[in-house]
Amino acid sequence: MTIAYRLVFLPGLLCDRAAWTSQLMALQERAVCSVAEYGTIDSLPAMAEAVLEQAPGELMLVGHSMGGRIALDICRRARDRVRGLALLDTGYQARPPDVTGERERVERMELVELARRSGMRAMGRQWVRRMVHPERLNDSALIEAILDMFERKTVAVFEAQQRALLARRDATHLLPEIACPTLVLCGREDGWSPVSRHEEMARRIPGSRLVVIERCGHMSTMEQPDEVNAALGEWLASSVSQT
C-alpha cells in the first residue's frame, strides 16, 4: 500500500526526536514520519513557516506543548494542507497582559539565566520537577532521558524558544474553524497545561476528541507512551478514513 500522507511531529520547548521515540516506532509503518527542527528561530509564526518548508504536501500534525501552538499557527497559514491535528499538553491563549503574564515572563527568563550561569542540565533538574507525574521523579531512566534531551540544546536556542512563547498569539477564534479530525490529549497531572484548558479546547474545536492520560504529567509522550500511541493510532485511522 502506498502511504499518501505525512505525519509531522512538532516538539515542545527544548525537546527533540527523543520525545517521540515510542510514537515514531509505533506509527512509522502507517505514515511517512518526520520530526520538525526549529534551530534558533525566535517566533512561533516563523517556526510554522519553517515546518511548512521542511514538509511539503498534505500534513498530519502532532504537536506537543510549544509544538501544539506551532501546529495552530500552521493551521492559520495553510489550513488546506492540514488533514489531521493532534494537540498534546498544550494551550491556545496568549500571555495575559497583567501581573500573571508578567510573572510568567520573569519565571521563563529566570530559567534562561539559570541555564546561562549553571548549564542546561542544571536548569533542567530544577525545571523537570513540574514536568512529570510526581511518582516518576525517581524514575532515573525517564528523568535522565529528559535531561539529556535538554542538554542537547544551547542556551541560545532556549532563549529563542522562550521569547517565542512569551510572544504567542491567541488562537481562540481559530479553534472553531478547525475542520480536520482533531485529537486533544493531556496528562491528568500536567502541571503546565491543565486538563481544564484541554477540555475548553476540545469544546471549541468541532468534532474533536478529548483524551486524558491517567498518572501522567506534561511529558505524556515519554511518561505514558503506550496510552499516547493508542490515542494517536485511533486519531490517525480516523484522519485517513476522511481523506
Protein backbone atom coordinates (compact mmCIF):
# COMPACT_ATOMS: atom_id res chain seq x y z
CA MET A 1 0.00 0.00 0.00
CA THR A 2 1.30 3.45 -0.89
CA ILE A 3 1.24 5.91 2.01
CA ALA A 4 -0.01 9.26 0.71
CA TYR A 5 0.18 11.32 3.86
CA ARG A 6 2.96 12.74 6.02
CA LEU A 7 2.94 12.67 9.81
CA VAL A 8 4.93 15.57 11.27
CA PHE A 9 5.84 15.58 14.96
CA LEU A 10 6.31 19.06 16.41
CA PRO A 11 8.45 19.02 19.58
CA GLY A 12 7.89 21.26 22.56
CA LEU A 13 10.28 23.60 24.33
CA LEU A 14 13.83 22.14 24.32
CA CYS A 15 12.53 18.82 23.02
CA ASP A 16 13.73 16.84 20.02
CA ARG A 17 13.27 13.46 18.35
CA ALA A 18 13.80 11.68 21.67
CA ALA A 19 10.41 12.95 22.90
CA TRP A 20 8.77 10.98 20.07
CA THR A 21 10.84 7.76 20.13
CA SER A 22 7.94 5.49 21.02
CA GLN A 23 5.49 7.22 18.69
CA LEU A 24 7.87 7.00 15.74
CA MET A 25 8.31 3.28 16.31
CA ALA A 26 4.57 2.70 16.65
CA LEU A 27 3.44 4.73 13.65
CA GLN A 28 6.31 4.61 11.14
CA GLU A 29 4.71 1.78 9.16
CA ARG A 30 1.46 3.71 8.82
CA ALA A 31 2.79 7.08 7.69
CA VAL A 32 5.82 8.93 6.40
CA CYS A 33 7.10 10.31 9.71
CA SER A 34 9.35 13.30 10.36
CA VAL A 35 10.28 15.44 13.37
CA ALA A 36 10.43 19.22 12.91
CA GLU A 37 13.54 21.26 13.68
CA TYR A 38 13.34 24.95 14.68
CA GLY A 39 17.00 25.90 15.12
CA THR A 40 17.32 29.33 16.74
CA ILE A 41 14.07 30.73 15.33
CA ASP A 42 12.53 33.04 17.95
CA SER A 43 8.89 33.31 16.88
CA LEU A 44 6.11 30.74 16.60
CA PRO A 45 4.89 32.05 13.20
CA ALA A 46 8.41 31.73 11.79
CA MET A 47 8.66 28.20 13.21
CA ALA A 48 5.39 27.35 11.47
CA GLU A 49 6.75 28.67 8.18
CA ALA A 50 9.91 26.60 8.63
CA VAL A 51 7.86 23.45 9.20
CA LEU A 52 5.81 24.10 6.08
CA GLU A 53 9.03 24.44 4.09
CA GLN A 54 10.54 21.29 5.63
CA ALA A 55 7.47 19.13 4.97
CA PRO A 56 5.73 19.67 1.62
CA GLY A 57 2.29 18.36 0.72
CA GLU A 58 -0.62 17.36 2.91
CA LEU A 59 0.23 17.02 6.60
CA MET A 60 -0.94 15.25 9.71
CA LEU A 61 0.35 17.35 12.60
CA VAL A 62 1.15 16.11 16.11
CA GLY A 63 2.24 18.96 18.36
CA HIS A 64 3.34 18.65 21.98
CA SER A 65 3.39 21.71 24.26
CA MET A 66 5.04 24.52 22.23
CA GLY A 67 4.65 22.24 19.22
CA GLY A 68 0.87 22.37 19.64
CA ARG A 69 0.96 26.14 19.38
CA ILE A 70 3.11 25.84 16.25
CA ALA A 71 0.55 23.42 14.82
CA LEU A 72 -2.17 26.03 15.36
CA ASP A 73 -0.01 28.62 13.59
CA ILE A 74 0.36 26.19 10.67
CA CYS A 75 -3.44 25.91 10.56
CA ARG A 76 -3.62 29.71 10.32
CA ARG A 77 -1.30 29.72 7.32
CA ALA A 78 -2.08 26.55 5.40
CA ARG A 79 -5.33 25.07 6.65
CA ASP A 80 -5.92 23.35 3.31
CA ARG A 81 -2.73 21.30 3.81
CA VAL A 82 -3.64 20.03 7.30
CA ARG A 83 -5.51 16.71 7.12
CA GLY A 84 -5.33 15.88 10.80
CA LEU A 85 -4.38 17.66 14.02
CA ALA A 86 -3.27 16.26 17.39
CA LEU A 87 -2.70 18.76 20.21
CA LEU A 88 -0.87 17.31 23.21
CA ASP A 89 -0.28 19.02 26.57
CA THR A 90 -0.54 22.48 25.05
CA GLY A 91 -2.58 25.68 25.01
CA TYR A 92 -4.18 28.25 22.76
CA GLN A 93 -4.32 31.54 24.66
CA ALA A 94 -1.91 34.47 24.55
CA ARG A 95 0.17 35.50 27.55
CA PRO A 96 -2.12 37.53 29.85
CA PRO A 97 -1.45 41.31 29.75
CA ASP A 98 -1.45 41.57 33.53
CA VAL A 99 0.51 40.55 36.59
CA THR A 100 0.08 36.87 35.73
CA GLY A 101 1.66 37.41 32.34
CA GLU A 102 4.49 39.41 33.85
CA ARG A 103 5.13 36.65 36.38
CA GLU A 104 5.34 34.16 33.53
CA ARG A 105 7.86 36.37 31.71
CA VAL A 106 10.03 36.65 34.81
CA GLU A 107 9.92 32.92 35.50
CA ARG A 108 10.80 31.99 31.92
CA MET A 109 13.72 34.42 31.82
CA GLU A 110 14.95 33.25 35.23
CA LEU A 111 15.24 29.74 33.81
CA VAL A 112 17.23 31.11 30.87
CA GLU A 113 19.58 32.92 33.27
CA LEU A 114 19.97 29.76 35.35
CA ALA A 115 20.92 27.85 32.21
CA ARG A 116 23.42 30.58 31.30
CA ARG A 117 25.01 30.51 34.78
CA SER A 118 24.94 26.82 35.59
CA GLY A 119 24.36 24.97 32.33
CA MET A 120 21.37 23.39 30.61
CA ARG A 121 21.40 20.21 32.68
CA ALA A 122 21.38 22.07 35.99
CA MET A 123 18.48 24.19 34.76
CA GLY A 124 16.69 21.05 33.61
CA ARG A 125 16.98 19.41 37.03
CA GLN A 126 15.01 22.27 38.52
CA TRP A 127 12.54 22.62 35.66
CA VAL A 128 11.71 18.92 35.34
CA ARG A 129 10.15 18.79 38.80
CA ARG A 130 6.88 20.14 37.45
CA MET A 131 7.06 18.36 34.11
CA VAL A 132 6.36 14.75 35.09
CA HIS A 133 3.99 12.93 37.39
CA PRO A 134 5.33 13.16 40.96
CA GLU A 135 5.70 9.39 41.17
CA ARG A 136 8.08 9.46 38.17
CA LEU A 137 10.60 11.84 39.71
CA ASN A 138 12.54 8.82 41.00
CA ASP A 139 12.43 7.08 37.60
CA SER A 140 16.06 7.68 36.70
CA ALA A 141 15.76 6.34 33.16
CA LEU A 142 12.95 8.76 32.34
CA ILE A 143 14.46 11.77 34.08
CA GLU A 144 17.92 11.25 32.61
CA ALA A 145 16.43 10.89 29.10
CA ILE A 146 14.62 14.20 29.54
CA LEU A 147 17.74 15.92 30.91
CA ASP A 148 19.87 14.51 28.09
CA MET A 149 17.39 15.99 25.62
CA PHE A 150 17.50 19.42 27.26
CA GLU A 151 21.28 19.35 27.38
CA ARG A 152 21.49 18.82 23.62
CA LYS A 153 20.07 22.33 23.17
CA THR A 154 22.07 25.51 23.67
CA VAL A 155 21.19 28.46 25.87
CA ALA A 156 20.67 30.48 22.67
CA VAL A 157 18.03 28.01 21.48
CA PHE A 158 16.40 28.02 24.92
CA GLU A 159 16.18 31.80 25.00
CA ALA A 160 14.84 31.98 21.43
CA GLN A 161 12.09 29.48 22.21
CA GLN A 162 11.18 31.18 25.49
CA ARG A 163 10.83 34.53 23.70
CA ALA A 164 8.71 32.87 21.05
CA LEU A 165 6.35 31.53 23.70
CA LEU A 166 6.13 34.85 25.50
CA ALA A 167 5.02 36.49 22.24
CA ARG A 168 2.48 33.76 21.39
CA ARG A 169 -0.76 34.86 19.77
CA ASP A 170 -4.26 33.99 20.92
CA ALA A 171 -5.90 31.19 18.92
CA THR A 172 -9.36 31.33 20.50
CA HIS A 173 -11.08 32.42 17.29
CA LEU A 174 -9.16 29.86 15.22
CA LEU A 175 -10.35 26.79 17.13
CA PRO A 176 -13.98 26.77 15.85
CA GLU A 177 -12.67 26.99 12.28
CA ILE A 178 -10.66 23.76 12.51
CA ALA A 179 -12.45 21.18 10.38
CA CYS A 180 -10.00 18.27 10.20
CA PRO A 181 -10.05 15.27 12.60
CA THR A 182 -8.57 16.58 15.85
CA LEU A 183 -7.27 14.87 18.96
CA VAL A 184 -6.82 16.89 22.17
CA LEU A 185 -4.75 14.99 24.74
CA CYS A 186 -3.06 15.70 28.06
CA GLY A 187 -1.78 14.08 31.23
CA ARG A 188 -4.16 14.18 34.18
CA GLU A 189 -1.45 15.74 36.38
CA ASP A 190 0.04 18.10 33.79
CA GLY A 191 1.43 20.94 35.89
CA TRP A 192 1.95 23.27 32.93
CA SER A 193 -1.10 22.67 30.73
CA PRO A 194 -4.06 21.60 32.91
CA VAL A 195 -6.91 19.32 31.92
CA SER A 196 -9.38 22.22 32.12
CA ARG A 197 -7.56 24.01 29.29
CA HIS A 198 -7.77 20.93 27.09
CA GLU A 199 -11.44 20.47 27.90
CA GLU A 200 -12.03 24.02 26.70
CA MET A 201 -10.02 23.44 23.52
CA ALA A 202 -12.00 20.29 22.78
CA ARG A 203 -15.28 22.15 23.30
CA ARG A 204 -14.22 24.85 20.86
CA ILE A 205 -12.96 22.52 18.09
CA PRO A 206 -15.92 20.91 16.26
CA GLY A 207 -15.92 17.12 16.42
CA SER A 208 -12.64 16.87 18.32
CA ARG A 209 -11.87 14.01 20.70
CA LEU A 210 -10.50 14.61 24.20
CA VAL A 211 -8.23 12.02 25.82
CA VAL A 212 -6.86 12.41 29.36
CA ILE A 213 -3.98 10.10 30.25
CA GLU A 214 -4.05 8.94 33.86
CA ARG A 215 -1.00 9.02 36.16
CA CYS A 216 0.76 11.32 33.73
CA GLY A 217 2.27 14.79 33.77
CA HIS A 218 3.32 17.16 30.99
CA MET A 219 5.73 14.81 29.19
CA SER A 220 2.99 12.42 28.14
CA THR A 221 4.78 11.00 25.08
CA MET A 222 7.64 9.79 27.30
CA GLU A 223 5.75 9.11 30.54
CA GLN A 224 2.89 7.01 29.18
CA PRO A 225 3.88 6.17 25.59
CA ASP A 226 1.58 3.17 25.12
CA GLU A 227 -1.53 5.16 26.03
CA VAL A 228 -0.46 8.07 23.83
CA ASN A 229 0.29 5.70 20.95
CA ALA A 230 -3.14 4.11 21.25
CA ALA A 231 -4.86 7.51 21.10
CA LEU A 232 -2.73 8.62 18.15
CA GLY A 233 -3.44 5.36 16.34
CA GLU A 234 -7.19 5.90 16.62
CA TRP A 235 -6.84 9.53 15.53
CA LEU A 236 -4.66 8.56 12.58
CA ALA A 237 -7.15 5.92 11.42
CA SER A 238 -9.96 8.48 11.67
CA SER A 239 -7.96 11.09 9.78
CA VAL A 240 -7.02 8.72 6.97
CA SER A 241 -10.60 7.48 6.58
CA GLN A 242 -11.72 11.04 5.90
CA THR A 243 -9.09 11.82 3.22
